[in-house]
Amino acid sequence: MHPNYLSTNLVKNILKILLPILIAITLTACASTATQAIKQSNNQTNSLDKDQVWQLVKIQGRKVSKNDKTVTLTFNPEAESFRGMTACNFYAGTYTLGESSPTNGRHSFSIVTFGSGSILCPEADMNAEGRFLSVFEKANYILIDEFTLSFYRDNKEILLFELQ
């Protein structure tokens, strides 16, 4: 036999053994990376990410009218703070957020400090603003979804926001 024949056969045999192992390692690494990406994606969509802007779409079960001025809400989880705009004024404060409940996915939520501006505006806007702020202060649970943020008072949804 020729010496090249032996080395060629040896290389072929080694490749027959190593190639499936290398493919398995590569596929495992890809699957692990995909799983981590999915977990990160799920965590981002079910959390209060910094500077996401939420817009009020329902208050106490009633849709916000297109004629109403936009009410927004933004969180800063690192500082456990929030801020937003109502019809005329800004509002801001701090909050505490509990772990997600395994039974319903809701987080306990409580406002620690709270304040708002006091610029006068038309009476209808002031009334809508006052109503929103008083309802918002009563929230004690939130449910965070991919595109919605629901505030509850006990078992009743009182505010619904959508991601802008």
C-alpha atoms as a PDB file:
ATOM      1  CA  MET A   1       0.000   0.000   0.000  1.00  0.00           C
ATOM      2  CA  HIS A   2       0.983   3.493  -0.702  1.00  0.00           C
ATOM      3  CA  PRO A   3       1.705   5.752   2.352  1.00  0.00           C
ATOM      4  CA  ASN A   4      -0.703   8.420   1.082  1.00  0.00           C
ATOM      5  CA  TYR A   5      -3.495   5.831   1.036  1.00  0.00           C
ATOM      6  CA  LEU A   6      -3.026   5.197   4.774  1.00  0.00           C
ATOM      7  CA  SER A   7      -3.022   8.872   5.658  1.00  0.00           C
ATOM      8  CA  THR A   8      -6.079   9.531   3.444  1.00  0.00           C
ATOM      9  CA  ASN A   9      -8.003   6.683   5.086  1.00  0.00           C
ATOM     10  CA  LEU A  10      -6.942   7.882   8.515  1.00  0.00           C
ATOM     11  CA  VAL A  11      -8.200  11.391   7.764  1.00  0.00           C
ATOM     12  CA  LYS A  12     -11.507   9.998   6.433  1.00  0.00           C
ATOM     13  CA  ASN A  13     -12.011   7.874   9.558  1.00  0.00           C
ATOM     14  CA  ILE A  14     -11.224  10.769  11.857  1.00  0.00           C
ATOM     15  CA  LEU A  15     -13.684  12.983   9.942  1.00  0.00           C
ATOM     16  CA  LYS A  16     -16.372  10.279  10.177  1.00  0.00           C
ATOM     17  CA  ILE A  17     -15.986  10.382  13.955  1.00  0.00           C
ATOM     18  CA  LEU A  18     -15.419  14.104  14.497  1.00  0.00           C
ATOM     19  CA  LEU A  19     -17.859  15.576  11.976  1.00  0.00           C
ATOM     20  CA  PRO A  20     -21.056  14.403  13.745  1.00  0.00           C
ATOM     21  CA  ILE A  21     -19.614  15.592  17.068  1.00  0.00           C
ATOM     22  CA  LEU A  22     -18.808  19.032  15.627  1.00  0.00           C
ATOM     23  CA  ILE A  23     -22.293  19.280  14.087  1.00  0.00           C
ATOM     24  CA  ALA A  24     -23.907  18.337  17.418  1.00  0.00           C
ATOM     25  CA  ILE A  25     -21.833  20.939  19.284  1.00  0.00           C
ATOM     26  CA  THR A  26     -22.749  23.635  16.724  1.00  0.00           C
ATOM     27  CA  LEU A  27     -26.477  22.804  16.850  1.00  0.00           C
ATOM     28  CA  THR A  28     -26.448  22.782  20.648  1.00  0.00           C
ATOM     29  CA  ALA A  29     -24.754  26.182  20.719  1.00  0.00           C
ATOM     30  CA  CYS A  30     -27.293  27.598  18.232  1.00  0.00           C
ATOM     31  CA  ALA A  31     -30.232  26.211  20.222  1.00  0.00           C
ATOM     32  CA  SER A  32     -28.824  27.660  23.437  1.00  0.00           C
ATOM     33  CA  THR A  33     -28.387  31.078  21.813  1.00  0.00           C
ATOM     34  CA  ALA A  34     -31.946  30.957  20.422  1.00  0.00           C
ATOM     35  CA  THR A  35     -33.331  29.987  23.845  1.00  0.00           C
ATOM     36  CA  GLN A  36     -31.503  32.892  25.493  1.00  0.00           C
ATOM     37  CA  ALA A  37     -32.822  35.309  22.854  1.00  0.00           C
ATOM     38  CA  ILE A  38     -36.383  34.097  23.445  1.00  0.00           C
ATOM     39  CA  LYS A  39     -35.990  34.466  27.222  1.00  0.00           C
ATOM     40  CA  GLN A  40     -34.590  37.991  26.828  1.00  0.00           C
ATOM     41  CA  SER A  41     -37.394  38.876  24.425  1.00  0.00           C
ATOM     42  CA  ASN A  42     -40.031  37.561  26.849  1.00  0.00           C
ATOM     43  CA  ASN A  43     -38.468  39.447  29.749  1.00  0.00           C
ATOM     44  CA  GLN A  44     -38.468  42.672  27.769  1.00  0.00           C
ATOM     45  CA  THR A  45     -42.075  42.348  26.731  1.00  0.00           C
ATOM     46  CA  ASN A  46     -43.277  41.491  30.216  1.00  0.00           C
ATOM     47  CA  SER A  47     -41.453  44.177  32.111  1.00  0.00           C
ATOM     48  CA  LEU A  48     -41.526  47.916  32.553  1.00  0.00           C
ATOM     49  CA  ASP A  49     -38.691  48.896  30.279  1.00  0.00           C
ATOM     50  CA  LYS A  50     -37.091  52.288  30.707  1.00  0.00           C
ATOM     51  CA  ASP A  51     -38.520  55.052  28.547  1.00  0.00           C
ATOM     52  CA  GLN A  52     -41.253  52.969  26.876  1.00  0.00           C
ATOM     53  CA  VAL A  53     -44.194  55.294  26.322  1.00  0.00           C
ATOM     54  CA  TRP A  54     -47.611  53.905  27.213  1.00  0.00           C
ATOM     55  CA  GLN A  55     -50.824  55.638  26.081  1.00  0.00           C
ATOM     56  CA  LEU A  56     -54.120  55.426  27.986  1.00  0.00           C
ATOM     57  CA  VAL A  57     -56.850  53.670  25.958  1.00  0.00           C
ATOM     58  CA  LYS A  58     -59.414  52.734  28.656  1.00  0.00           C
ATOM     59  CA  ILE A  59     -60.397  54.105  32.022  1.00  0.00           C
ATOM     60  CA  GLN A  60     -62.756  52.101  34.235  1.00  0.00           C
ATOM     61  CA  GLY A  61     -63.847  49.962  31.295  1.00  0.00           C
ATOM     62  CA  ARG A  62     -64.637  52.871  28.949  1.00  0.00           C
ATOM     63  CA  LYS A  63     -62.563  53.631  25.889  1.00  0.00           C
ATOM     64  CA  VAL A  64     -60.823  56.964  25.878  1.00  0.00           C
ATOM     65  CA  SER A  65     -62.482  59.207  23.295  1.00  0.00           C
ATOM     66  CA  LYS A  66     -60.480  60.347  20.283  1.00  0.00           C
ATOM     67  CA  ASN A  67     -61.518  63.884  21.286  1.00  0.00           C
ATOM     68  CA  ASP A  68     -59.766  63.479  24.654  1.00  0.00           C
ATOM     69  CA  LYS A  69     -56.197  64.591  24.920  1.00  0.00           C
ATOM     70  CA  THR A  70     -53.559  61.863  25.136  1.00  0.00           C
ATOM     71  CA  VAL A  71     -52.538  60.578  28.564  1.00  0.00           C
ATOM     72  CA  THR A  72     -49.095  58.976  28.630  1.00  0.00           C
ATOM     73  CA  LEU A  73     -47.035  57.035  31.152  1.00  0.00           C
ATOM     74  CA  THR A  74     -43.317  56.200  31.176  1.00  0.00           C
ATOM     75  CA  PHE A  75     -41.332  54.181  33.726  1.00  0.00           C
ATOM     76  CA  ASN A  76     -37.740  54.198  34.939  1.00  0.00           C
ATOM     77  CA  PRO A  77     -37.383  50.785  36.646  1.00  0.00           C
ATOM     78  CA  GLU A  78     -33.870  51.482  37.984  1.00  0.00           C
ATOM     79  CA  ALA A  79     -35.163  54.468  39.972  1.00  0.00           C
ATOM     80  CA  GLU A  80     -38.604  52.885  40.535  1.00  0.00           C
ATOM     81  CA  SER A  81     -40.122  56.092  39.191  1.00  0.00           C
ATOM     82  CA  PHE A  82     -42.743  57.062  36.625  1.00  0.00           C
ATOM     83  CA  ARG A  83     -43.747  60.191  34.762  1.00  0.00           C
ATOM     84  CA  GLY A  84     -46.400  61.138  32.272  1.00  0.00           C
ATOM     85  CA  MET A  85     -48.613  63.763  30.744  1.00  0.00           C
ATOM     86  CA  THR A  86     -52.327  64.263  31.151  1.00  0.00           C
ATOM     87  CA  ALA A  87     -54.547  66.664  29.213  1.00  0.00           C
ATOM     88  CA  CYS A  88     -52.724  69.703  30.603  1.00  0.00           C
ATOM     89  CA  ASN A  89     -50.156  68.756  33.193  1.00  0.00           C
ATOM     90  CA  PHE A  90     -47.307  66.436  33.921  1.00  0.00           C
ATOM     91  CA  TYR A  91     -47.376  63.927  36.765  1.00  0.00           C
ATOM     92  CA  ALA A  92     -44.603  61.910  38.356  1.00  0.00           C
ATOM     93  CA  GLY A  93     -43.769  59.758  41.326  1.00  0.00           C
ATOM     94  CA  THR A  94     -42.200  56.603  42.628  1.00  0.00           C
ATOM     95  CA  TYR A  95     -43.609  53.106  42.966  1.00  0.00           C
ATOM     96  CA  THR A  96     -42.938  49.617  44.243  1.00  0.00           C
ATOM     97  CA  LEU A  97     -43.504  46.562  42.070  1.00  0.00           C
ATOM     98  CA  GLY A  98     -43.810  43.008  43.368  1.00  0.00           C
ATOM     99  CA  GLU A  99     -42.956  39.738  41.666  1.00  0.00           C
ATOM    100  CA  SER A 100     -45.317  38.347  39.056  1.00  0.00           C
ATOM    101  CA  SER A 101     -48.014  36.082  40.490  1.00  0.00           C
ATOM    102  CA  PRO A 102     -47.780  32.507  39.159  1.00  0.00           C
ATOM    103  CA  THR A 103     -51.584  32.229  39.070  1.00  0.00           C
ATOM    104  CA  ASN A 104     -52.535  35.361  37.115  1.00  0.00           C
ATOM    105  CA  GLY A 105     -49.273  37.036  36.058  1.00  0.00           C
ATOM    106  CA  ARG A 106     -50.109  40.255  37.862  1.00  0.00           C
ATOM    107  CA  HIS A 107     -47.581  42.205  39.910  1.00  0.00           C
ATOM    108  CA  SER A 108     -48.492  43.967  43.127  1.00  0.00           C
ATOM    109  CA  PHE A 109     -48.089  47.697  42.538  1.00  0.00           C
ATOM    110  CA  SER A 110     -48.208  50.680  44.854  1.00  0.00           C
ATOM    111  CA  ILE A 111     -47.477  54.347  44.434  1.00  0.00           C
ATOM    112  CA  VAL A 112     -45.034  55.606  47.065  1.00  0.00           C
ATOM    113  CA  THR A 113     -44.850  59.303  46.127  1.00  0.00           C
ATOM    114  CA  PHE A 114     -47.028  61.162  43.658  1.00  0.00           C
ATOM    115  CA  GLY A 115     -47.427  64.696  42.361  1.00  0.00           C
ATOM    116  CA  SER A 116     -48.665  66.620  39.357  1.00  0.00           C
ATOM    117  CA  GLY A 117     -48.440  70.047  37.799  1.00  0.00           C
ATOM    118  CA  SER A 118     -51.114  72.663  38.249  1.00  0.00           C
ATOM    119  CA  ILE A 119     -51.474  74.508  34.946  1.00  0.00           C
ATOM    120  CA  LEU A 120     -55.069  75.499  34.336  1.00  0.00           C
ATOM    121  CA  CYS A 121     -56.743  74.344  31.162  1.00  0.00           C
ATOM    122  CA  PRO A 122     -60.322  73.982  29.887  1.00  0.00           C
ATOM    123  CA  GLU A 123     -62.712  72.577  32.475  1.00  0.00           C
ATOM    124  CA  ALA A 124     -63.446  69.370  30.525  1.00  0.00           C
ATOM    125  CA  ASP A 125     -59.707  68.603  30.317  1.00  0.00           C
ATOM    126  CA  MET A 126     -59.231  69.379  34.022  1.00  0.00           C
ATOM    127  CA  ASN A 127     -62.100  67.019  34.905  1.00  0.00           C
ATOM    128  CA  ALA A 128     -60.670  64.220  32.740  1.00  0.00           C
ATOM    129  CA  GLU A 129     -57.241  64.782  34.264  1.00  0.00           C
ATOM    130  CA  GLY A 130     -58.598  64.691  37.823  1.00  0.00           C
ATOM    131  CA  ARG A 131     -60.525  61.504  37.100  1.00  0.00           C
ATOM    132  CA  PHE A 132     -57.459  59.768  35.632  1.00  0.00           C
ATOM    133  CA  LEU A 133     -55.184  60.788  38.508  1.00  0.00           C
ATOM    134  CA  SER A 134     -57.641  59.637  41.172  1.00  0.00           C
ATOM    135  CA  VAL A 135     -58.130  56.261  39.452  1.00  0.00           C
ATOM    136  CA  PHE A 136     -54.383  55.822  38.867  1.00  0.00           C
ATOM    137  CA  GLU A 137     -53.635  56.345  42.563  1.00  0.00           C
ATOM    138  CA  LYS A 138     -55.989  53.478  43.482  1.00  0.00           C
ATOM    139  CA  ALA A 139     -54.168  50.820  41.448  1.00  0.00           C
ATOM    140  CA  ASN A 140     -52.743  47.954  43.486  1.00  0.00           C
ATOM    141  CA  TYR A 141     -51.876  45.436  40.736  1.00  0.00           C
ATOM    142  CA  ILE A 142     -50.572  45.631  37.193  1.00  0.00           C
ATOM    143  CA  LEU A 143     -50.449  43.140  34.366  1.00  0.00           C
ATOM    144  CA  ILE A 144     -47.693  43.712  31.819  1.00  0.00           C
ATOM    145  CA  ASP A 145     -48.184  42.218  28.383  1.00  0.00           C
ATOM    146  CA  GLU A 146     -46.287  42.611  25.142  1.00  0.00           C
ATOM    147  CA  PHE A 147     -48.248  45.662  23.999  1.00  0.00           C
ATOM    148  CA  THR A 148     -50.578  46.429  26.920  1.00  0.00           C
ATOM    149  CA  LEU A 149     -50.283  47.514  30.517  1.00  0.00           C
ATOM    150  CA  SER A 150     -53.356  46.986  32.708  1.00  0.00           C
ATOM    151  CA  PHE A 151     -53.828  48.536  36.148  1.00  0.00           C
ATOM    152  CA  TYR A 152     -56.160  46.831  38.603  1.00  0.00           C
ATOM    153  CA  ARG A 153     -57.867  47.724  41.831  1.00  0.00           C
ATOM    154  CA  ASP A 154     -58.145  44.287  43.422  1.00  0.00           C
ATOM    155  CA  ASN A 155     -59.739  42.127  40.672  1.00  0.00           C
ATOM    156  CA  LYS A 156     -61.126  44.914  38.497  1.00  0.00           C
ATOM    157  CA  GLU A 157     -59.213  46.499  35.626  1.00  0.00           C
ATOM    158  CA  ILE A 158     -59.308  50.258  36.100  1.00  0.00           C
ATOM    159  CA  LEU A 159     -56.818  51.513  33.495  1.00  0.00           C
ATOM    160  CA  LEU A 160     -55.551  50.080  30.221  1.00  0.00           C
ATOM    161  CA  PHE A 161     -52.522  51.479  28.395  1.00  0.00           C
ATOM    162  CA  GLU A 162     -51.080  50.448  25.052  1.00  0.00           C
ATOM    163  CA  LEU A 163     -47.477  50.719  23.995  1.00  0.00           C
ATOM    164  CA  GLN A 164     -47.003  53.673  21.639  1.00  0.00           C
END
